[in-house]
PDB file of N, CA and C in Angstrom:
ATOM      1  N   MET A   1       0.843  -1.170   0.000  1.00  0.00           N
ATOM      2  CA  MET A   1       0.000   0.000   0.000  1.00  0.00           C
ATOM      3  C   MET A   1       0.893   1.240   0.000  1.00  0.00           C
ATOM      4  N   THR A   2       0.553   2.188  -0.851  1.00  0.00           N
ATOM      5  CA  THR A   2       1.347   3.411  -0.914  1.00  0.00           C
ATOM      6  C   THR A   2       0.922   4.367   0.191  1.00  0.00           C
ATOM      7  N   GLU A   3       1.748   5.355   0.420  1.00  0.00           N
ATOM      8  CA  GLU A   3       1.432   6.368   1.428  1.00  0.00           C
ATOM      9  C   GLU A   3       0.152   7.116   1.052  1.00  0.00           C
ATOM     10  N   ALA A   4      -0.017   7.411  -0.221  1.00  0.00           N
ATOM     11  CA  ALA A   4      -1.224   8.126  -0.674  1.00  0.00           C
ATOM     12  C   ALA A   4      -2.482   7.285  -0.449  1.00  0.00           C
ATOM     13  N   GLU A   5      -2.395   5.987  -0.718  1.00  0.00           N
ATOM     14  CA  GLU A   5      -3.537   5.107  -0.483  1.00  0.00           C
ATOM     15  C   GLU A   5      -3.874   5.026   1.001  1.00  0.00           C
ATOM     16  N   LEU A   6      -2.845   4.915   1.820  1.00  0.00           N
ATOM     17  CA  LEU A   6      -3.047   4.856   3.264  1.00  0.00           C
ATOM     18  C   LEU A   6      -3.671   6.159   3.766  1.00  0.00           C
ATOM     19  N   ARG A   7      -3.157   7.281   3.304  1.00  0.00           N
ATOM     20  CA  ARG A   7      -3.684   8.593   3.704  1.00  0.00           C
ATOM     21  C   ARG A   7      -5.170   8.705   3.325  1.00  0.00           C
ATOM     22  N   ALA A   8      -5.523   8.235   2.133  1.00  0.00           N
ATOM     23  CA  ALA A   8      -6.918   8.283   1.680  1.00  0.00           C
ATOM     24  C   ALA A   8      -7.809   7.407   2.564  1.00  0.00           C
ATOM     25  N   ARG A   9      -7.321   6.250   2.941  1.00  0.00           N
ATOM     26  CA  ARG A   9      -8.107   5.361   3.804  1.00  0.00           C
ATOM     27  C   ARG A   9      -8.267   5.956   5.197  1.00  0.00           C
ATOM     28  N   LEU A  10      -7.230   6.582   5.716  1.00  0.00           N
ATOM     29  CA  LEU A  10      -7.331   7.226   7.026  1.00  0.00           C
ATOM     30  C   LEU A  10      -8.306   8.401   6.977  1.00  0.00           C
ATOM     31  N   LEU A  11      -8.272   9.151   5.897  1.00  0.00           N
ATOM     32  CA  LEU A  11      -9.217  10.260   5.745  1.00  0.00           C
ATOM     33  C   LEU A  11     -10.653   9.748   5.641  1.00  0.00           C
ATOM     34  N   ALA A  12     -10.842   8.603   5.006  1.00  0.00           N
ATOM     35  CA  ALA A  12     -12.182   8.009   4.925  1.00  0.00           C
ATOM     36  C   ALA A  12     -12.672   7.596   6.313  1.00  0.00           C
ATOM     37  N   ILE A  13     -11.780   7.043   7.118  1.00  0.00           N
ATOM     38  CA  ILE A  13     -12.137   6.681   8.494  1.00  0.00           C
ATOM     39  C   ILE A  13     -12.528   7.937   9.260  1.00  0.00           C
ATOM     40  N   LEU A  14     -11.712   8.968   9.144  1.00  0.00           N
ATOM     41  CA  LEU A  14     -12.026  10.233   9.824  1.00  0.00           C
ATOM     42  C   LEU A  14     -13.356  10.800   9.346  1.00  0.00           C
ATOM     43  N   GLY A  15     -13.606  10.733   8.062  1.00  0.00           N
ATOM     44  CA  GLY A  15     -14.843  11.254   7.500  1.00  0.00           C
ATOM     45  C   GLY A  15     -16.064  10.517   8.003  1.00  0.00           C
ATOM     46  N   ALA A  16     -15.920   9.231   8.299  1.00  0.00           N
ATOM     47  CA  ALA A  16     -17.035   8.457   8.845  1.00  0.00           C
ATOM     48  C   ALA A  16     -17.329   8.861  10.290  1.00  0.00           C
ATOM     49  N   ILE A  17     -16.307   9.276  11.003  1.00  0.00           N
ATOM     50  CA  ILE A  17     -16.463   9.679  12.407  1.00  0.00           C
ATOM     51  C   ILE A  17     -16.863  11.137  12.519  1.00  0.00           C
ATOM     52  N   ALA A  18     -16.228  11.971  11.719  1.00  0.00           N
ATOM     53  CA  ALA A  18     -16.488  13.415  11.736  1.00  0.00           C
ATOM     54  C   ALA A  18     -16.667  13.868  10.290  1.00  0.00           C
ATOM     55  N   PRO A  19     -17.901  13.911   9.806  1.00  0.00           N
ATOM     56  CA  PRO A  19     -18.148  14.243   8.399  1.00  0.00           C
ATOM     57  C   PRO A  19     -17.517  15.550   7.934  1.00  0.00           C
ATOM     58  N   GLU A  20     -17.325  16.496   8.836  1.00  0.00           N
ATOM     59  CA  GLU A  20     -16.701  17.762   8.429  1.00  0.00           C
ATOM     60  C   GLU A  20     -15.247  17.584   8.003  1.00  0.00           C
ATOM     61  N   ALA A  21     -14.646  16.455   8.348  1.00  0.00           N
ATOM     62  CA  ALA A  21     -13.261  16.188   7.947  1.00  0.00           C
ATOM     63  C   ALA A  21     -13.145  16.057   6.431  1.00  0.00           C
ATOM     64  N   ARG A  22     -14.241  15.649   5.790  1.00  0.00           N
ATOM     65  CA  ARG A  22     -14.236  15.501   4.330  1.00  0.00           C
ATOM     66  C   ARG A  22     -14.130  16.844   3.621  1.00  0.00           C
ATOM     67  N   ASP A  23     -14.653  17.883   4.265  1.00  0.00           N
ATOM     68  CA  ASP A  23     -14.701  19.206   3.644  1.00  0.00           C
ATOM     69  C   ASP A  23     -13.596  20.135   4.126  1.00  0.00           C
ATOM     70  N   THR A  24     -12.708  19.624   4.940  1.00  0.00           N
ATOM     71  CA  THR A  24     -11.658  20.445   5.539  1.00  0.00           C
ATOM     72  C   THR A  24     -10.318  20.112   4.912  1.00  0.00           C
ATOM     73  N   ASP A  25      -9.559  21.139   4.606  1.00  0.00           N
ATOM     74  CA  ASP A  25      -8.187  20.935   4.167  1.00  0.00           C
ATOM     75  C   ASP A  25      -7.336  20.752   5.415  1.00  0.00           C
ATOM     76  N   LEU A  26      -7.050  19.514   5.753  1.00  0.00           N
ATOM     77  CA  LEU A  26      -6.323  19.238   6.983  1.00  0.00           C
ATOM     78  C   LEU A  26      -4.844  19.546   6.838  1.00  0.00           C
ATOM     79  N   ASP A  27      -4.313  20.210   7.837  1.00  0.00           N
ATOM     80  CA  ASP A  27      -2.872  20.389   7.940  1.00  0.00           C
ATOM     81  C   ASP A  27      -2.334  19.043   8.423  1.00  0.00           C
ATOM     82  N   PRO A  28      -1.495  18.374   7.648  1.00  0.00           N
ATOM     83  CA  PRO A  28      -1.087  17.015   8.000  1.00  0.00           C
ATOM     84  C   PRO A  28      -0.276  16.898   9.285  1.00  0.00           C
ATOM     85  N   VAL A  29       0.299  17.996   9.762  1.00  0.00           N
ATOM     86  CA  VAL A  29       1.110  17.906  10.977  1.00  0.00           C
ATOM     87  C   VAL A  29       0.408  18.470  12.212  1.00  0.00           C
ATOM     88  N   ALA A  30      -0.698  19.153  12.031  1.00  0.00           N
ATOM     89  CA  ALA A  30      -1.420  19.736  13.164  1.00  0.00           C
ATOM     90  C   ALA A  30      -2.310  18.668  13.803  1.00  0.00           C
ATOM     91  N   PRO A  31      -2.508  18.769  15.104  1.00  0.00           N
ATOM     92  CA  PRO A  31      -3.384  17.805  15.776  1.00  0.00           C
ATOM     93  C   PRO A  31      -4.791  17.805  15.179  1.00  0.00           C
ATOM     94  N   LEU A  32      -5.323  16.605  14.983  1.00  0.00           N
ATOM     95  CA  LEU A  32      -6.658  16.468  14.403  1.00  0.00           C
ATOM     96  C   LEU A  32      -7.709  17.156  15.260  1.00  0.00           C
ATOM     97  N   ARG A  33      -7.588  17.043  16.565  1.00  0.00           N
ATOM     98  CA  ARG A  33      -8.568  17.641  17.482  1.00  0.00           C
ATOM     99  C   ARG A  33      -8.633  19.151  17.354  1.00  0.00           C
ATOM    100  N   ASP A  34      -7.555  19.771  16.932  1.00  0.00           N
ATOM    101  CA  ASP A  34      -7.540  21.227  16.758  1.00  0.00           C
ATOM    102  C   ASP A  34      -8.164  21.649  15.431  1.00  0.00           C
ATOM    103  N   GLN A  35      -8.318  20.711  14.512  1.00  0.00           N
ATOM    104  CA  GLN A  35      -8.776  21.050  13.167  1.00  0.00           C
ATOM    105  C   GLN A  35     -10.221  20.659  12.888  1.00  0.00           C
ATOM    106  N   ILE A  36     -10.652  19.580  13.481  1.00  0.00           N
ATOM    107  CA  ILE A  36     -12.024  19.122  13.261  1.00  0.00           C
ATOM    108  C   ILE A  36     -12.674  18.880  14.620  1.00  0.00           C
ATOM    109  N   ASP A  37     -13.968  18.838  14.609  1.00  0.00           N
ATOM    110  CA  ASP A  37     -14.730  18.748  15.851  1.00  0.00           C
ATOM    111  C   ASP A  37     -14.813  17.298  16.331  1.00  0.00           C
ATOM    112  N   ILE A  38     -13.715  16.822  16.930  1.00  0.00           N
ATOM    113  CA  ILE A  38     -13.745  15.487  17.522  1.00  0.00           C
ATOM    114  C   ILE A  38     -13.374  15.591  18.994  1.00  0.00           C
ATOM    115  N   ASP A  39     -14.070  14.809  19.789  1.00  0.00           N
ATOM    116  CA  ASP A  39     -13.755  14.756  21.202  1.00  0.00           C
ATOM    117  C   ASP A  39     -12.954  13.487  21.491  1.00  0.00           C
ATOM    118  N   SER A  40     -12.709  13.223  22.752  1.00  0.00           N
ATOM    119  CA  SER A  40     -11.871  12.070  23.097  1.00  0.00           C
ATOM    120  C   SER A  40     -12.523  10.756  22.674  1.00  0.00           C
ATOM    121  N   MET A  41     -13.838  10.676  22.732  1.00  0.00           N
ATOM    122  CA  MET A  41     -14.522   9.459  22.306  1.00  0.00           C
ATOM    123  C   MET A  41     -14.406   9.263  20.791  1.00  0.00           C
ATOM    124  N   ASP A  42     -14.545  10.356  20.036  1.00  0.00           N
ATOM    125  CA  ASP A  42     -14.357  10.278  18.587  1.00  0.00           C
ATOM    126  C   ASP A  42     -12.939   9.833  18.247  1.00  0.00           C
ATOM    127  N   PHE A  43     -11.963  10.375  18.977  1.00  0.00           N
ATOM    128  CA  PHE A  43     -10.573   9.991  18.719  1.00  0.00           C
ATOM    129  C   PHE A  43     -10.377   8.505  19.019  1.00  0.00           C
ATOM    130  N   LEU A  44     -10.974   8.022  20.100  1.00  0.00           N
ATOM    131  CA  LEU A  44     -10.884   6.600  20.432  1.00  0.00           C
ATOM    132  C   LEU A  44     -11.535   5.764  19.332  1.00  0.00           C
ATOM    133  N   ASN A  45     -12.658   6.233  18.800  1.00  0.00           N
ATOM    134  CA  ASN A  45     -13.307   5.531  17.685  1.00  0.00           C
ATOM    135  C   ASN A  45     -12.401   5.504  16.453  1.00  0.00           C
ATOM    136  N   PHE A  46     -11.672   6.593  16.215  1.00  0.00           N
ATOM    137  CA  PHE A  46     -10.711   6.643  15.112  1.00  0.00           C
ATOM    138  C   PHE A  46      -9.622   5.596  15.304  1.00  0.00           C
ATOM    139  N   VAL A  47      -9.037   5.567  16.487  1.00  0.00           N
ATOM    140  CA  VAL A  47      -7.960   4.613  16.773  1.00  0.00           C
ATOM    141  C   VAL A  47      -8.470   3.179  16.619  1.00  0.00           C
ATOM    142  N   THR A  48      -9.660   2.911  17.136  1.00  0.00           N
ATOM    143  CA  THR A  48     -10.250   1.580  17.045  1.00  0.00           C
ATOM    144  C   THR A  48     -10.502   1.193  15.586  1.00  0.00           C
ATOM    145  N   ALA A  49     -11.009   2.137  14.806  1.00  0.00           N
ATOM    146  CA  ALA A  49     -11.271   1.862  13.389  1.00  0.00           C
ATOM    147  C   ALA A  49      -9.975   1.610  12.622  1.00  0.00           C
ATOM    148  N   VAL A  50      -8.923   2.349  12.952  1.00  0.00           N
ATOM    149  CA  VAL A  50      -7.618   2.127  12.316  1.00  0.00           C
ATOM    150  C   VAL A  50      -7.133   0.722  12.646  1.00  0.00           C
ATOM    151  N   HIS A  51      -7.252   0.349  13.905  1.00  0.00           N
ATOM    152  CA  HIS A  51      -6.846  -0.999  14.325  1.00  0.00           C
ATOM    153  C   HIS A  51      -7.612  -2.064  13.541  1.00  0.00           C
ATOM    154  N   LYS A  52      -8.930  -1.910  13.453  1.00  0.00           N
ATOM    155  CA  LYS A  52      -9.751  -2.903  12.756  1.00  0.00           C
ATOM    156  C   LYS A  52      -9.461  -2.946  11.258  1.00  0.00           C
ATOM    157  N   GLN A  53      -9.315  -1.777  10.653  1.00  0.00           N
ATOM    158  CA  GLN A  53      -9.120  -1.727   9.204  1.00  0.00           C
ATOM    159  C   GLN A  53      -7.767  -2.291   8.770  1.00  0.00           C
ATOM    160  N   PHE A  54      -6.730  -2.011   9.557  1.00  0.00           N
ATOM    161  CA  PHE A  54      -5.383  -2.402   9.151  1.00  0.00           C
ATOM    162  C   PHE A  54      -4.819  -3.578   9.942  1.00  0.00           C
ATOM    163  N   GLY A  55      -5.512  -3.976  11.006  1.00  0.00           N
ATOM    164  CA  GLY A  55      -5.064  -5.115  11.789  1.00  0.00           C
ATOM    165  C   GLY A  55      -3.781  -4.878  12.555  1.00  0.00           C
ATOM    166  N   VAL A  56      -3.506  -3.635  12.864  1.00  0.00           N
ATOM    167  CA  VAL A  56      -2.294  -3.323  13.626  1.00  0.00           C
ATOM    168  C   VAL A  56      -2.667  -3.060  15.084  1.00  0.00           C
ATOM    169  N   PRO A  57      -1.916  -3.645  16.007  1.00  0.00           N
ATOM    170  CA  PRO A  57      -2.185  -3.352  17.408  1.00  0.00           C
ATOM    171  C   PRO A  57      -1.753  -1.922  17.729  1.00  0.00           C
ATOM    172  N   ILE A  58      -2.580  -1.229  18.493  1.00  0.00           N
ATOM    173  CA  ILE A  58      -2.260   0.145  18.876  1.00  0.00           C
ATOM    174  C   ILE A  58      -2.410   0.257  20.388  1.00  0.00           C
ATOM    175  N   PRO A  59      -1.315   0.086  21.119  1.00  0.00           N
ATOM    176  CA  PRO A  59      -1.403   0.221  22.570  1.00  0.00           C
ATOM    177  C   PRO A  59      -1.747   1.669  22.956  1.00  0.00           C
ATOM    178  N   GLU A  60      -2.408   1.809  24.084  1.00  0.00           N
ATOM    179  CA  GLU A  60      -2.848   3.128  24.527  1.00  0.00           C
ATOM    180  C   GLU A  60      -1.700   4.136  24.612  1.00  0.00           C
ATOM    181  N   LEU A  61      -0.520   3.683  24.960  1.00  0.00           N
ATOM    182  CA  LEU A  61       0.633   4.590  25.041  1.00  0.00           C
ATOM    183  C   LEU A  61       0.992   5.184  23.679  1.00  0.00           C
ATOM    184  N   ASP A  62       0.578   4.526  22.598  1.00  0.00           N
ATOM    185  CA  ASP A  62       0.875   5.019  21.253  1.00  0.00           C
ATOM    186  C   ASP A  62      -0.197   5.939  20.690  1.00  0.00           C
ATOM    187  N   TYR A  63      -1.321   6.105  21.359  1.00  0.00           N
ATOM    188  CA  TYR A  63      -2.402   6.950  20.840  1.00  0.00           C
ATOM    189  C   TYR A  63      -1.915   8.339  20.434  1.00  0.00           C
ATOM    190  N   PRO A  64      -1.060   8.986  21.219  1.00  0.00           N
ATOM    191  CA  PRO A  64      -0.604  10.327  20.811  1.00  0.00           C
ATOM    192  C   PRO A  64       0.120  10.342  19.458  1.00  0.00           C
ATOM    193  N   ARG A  65       0.667   9.214  19.053  1.00  0.00           N
ATOM    194  CA  ARG A  65       1.372   9.162  17.768  1.00  0.00           C
ATOM    195  C   ARG A  65       0.402   9.243  16.591  1.00  0.00           C
ATOM    196  N   LEU A  66      -0.891   9.045  16.855  1.00  0.00           N
ATOM    197  CA  LEU A  66      -1.911   9.118  15.820  1.00  0.00           C
ATOM    198  C   LEU A  66      -2.687  10.430  15.878  1.00  0.00           C
ATOM    199  N   SER A  67      -2.176  11.394  16.603  1.00  0.00           N
ATOM    200  CA  SER A  67      -2.923  12.637  16.825  1.00  0.00           C
ATOM    201  C   SER A  67      -2.981  13.540  15.601  1.00  0.00           C
ATOM    202  N   SER A  68      -2.071  13.358  14.650  1.00  0.00           N
ATOM    203  CA  SER A  68      -2.102  14.143  13.410  1.00  0.00           C
ATOM    204  C   SER A  68      -2.209  13.166  12.236  1.00  0.00           C
ATOM    205  N   LEU A  69      -2.588  13.678  11.099  1.00  0.00           N
ATOM    206  CA  LEU A  69      -2.709  12.817   9.918  1.00  0.00           C
ATOM    207  C   LEU A  69      -1.358  12.219   9.550  1.00  0.00           C
ATOM    208  N   ASP A  70      -0.310  13.034   9.510  1.00  0.00           N
ATOM    209  CA  ASP A  70       1.026  12.506   9.190  1.00  0.00           C
ATOM    210  C   ASP A  70       1.474  11.485  10.229  1.00  0.00           C
ATOM    211  N   GLY A  71       1.184  11.768  11.497  1.00  0.00           N
ATOM    212  CA  GLY A  71       1.544  10.835  12.557  1.00  0.00           C
ATOM    213  C   GLY A  71       0.865   9.497  12.380  1.00  0.00           C
ATOM    214  N   ALA A  72      -0.421   9.524  12.036  1.00  0.00           N
ATOM    215  CA  ALA A  72      -1.180   8.290  11.824  1.00  0.00           C
ATOM    216  C   ALA A  72      -0.639   7.528  10.618  1.00  0.00           C
ATOM    217  N   VAL A  73      -0.363   8.247   9.541  1.00  0.00           N
ATOM    218  CA  VAL A  73       0.186   7.604   8.334  1.00  0.00           C
ATOM    219  C   VAL A  73       1.513   6.927   8.666  1.00  0.00           C
ATOM    220  N   HIS A  74       2.407   7.655   9.305  1.00  0.00           N
ATOM    221  CA  HIS A  74       3.723   7.104   9.638  1.00  0.00           C
ATOM    222  C   HIS A  74       3.582   5.897  10.581  1.00  0.00           C
ATOM    223  N   TYR A  75       2.732   6.024  11.579  1.00  0.00           N
ATOM    224  CA  TYR A  75       2.560   4.941  12.550  1.00  0.00           C
ATOM    225  C   TYR A  75       2.079   3.664  11.856  1.00  0.00           C
ATOM    226  N   VAL A  76       1.023   3.771  11.069  1.00  0.00           N
ATOM    227  CA  VAL A  76       0.455   2.598  10.418  1.00  0.00           C
ATOM    228  C   VAL A  76       1.446   2.022   9.398  1.00  0.00           C
ATOM    229  N   MET A  77       2.120   2.878   8.630  1.00  0.00           N
ATOM    230  CA  MET A  77       3.107   2.379   7.651  1.00  0.00           C
ATOM    231  C   MET A  77       4.211   1.605   8.364  1.00  0.00           C
ATOM    232  N   THR A  78       4.672   2.104   9.486  1.00  0.00           N
ATOM    233  CA  THR A  78       5.721   1.436  10.239  1.00  0.00           C
ATOM    234  C   THR A  78       5.236   0.081  10.747  1.00  0.00           C
ATOM    235  N   LYS A  79       4.012   0.049  11.249  1.00  0.00           N
ATOM    236  CA  LYS A  79       3.454  -1.212  11.770  1.00  0.00           C
ATOM    237  C   LYS A  79       3.237  -2.224  10.653  1.00  0.00           C
ATOM    238  N   LEU A  80       2.770  -1.763   9.503  1.00  0.00           N
ATOM    239  CA  LEU A  80       2.532  -2.677   8.393  1.00  0.00           C
ATOM    240  C   LEU A  80       3.844  -3.233   7.826  1.00  0.00           C
ATOM    241  N   ALA A  81       4.891  -2.414   7.887  1.00  0.00           N
ATOM    242  CA  ALA A  81       6.190  -2.847   7.359  1.00  0.00           C
ATOM    243  C   ALA A  81       6.922  -3.796   8.289  1.00  0.00           C
ATOM    244  N   GLY A  82       6.580  -3.717   9.572  1.00  0.00           N
ATOM    245  CA  GLY A  82       7.413  -4.409  10.489  1.00  0.00           C
ATOM    246  C   GLY A  82       6.944  -5.562  11.213  1.00  0.00           C
TER     247      GLY A  82
END
């Protein structure tokens, strides 16, 4: 899977949780919570959906690594590669 494909799938997950994410030009390095209207439960739903979609374990200590779009892309790519 390419980085662009992964980014598109992560954006689709975000869009399912927070529909306004589809219409927002996200800054890939800024925290998602600062850019779209998601609370801690929405973020947990995002992490859970990423885990289910890609089959990668995401321990709670790693949640902050998924706080931005670039962070999530890098995290999942690293897990899939390794």
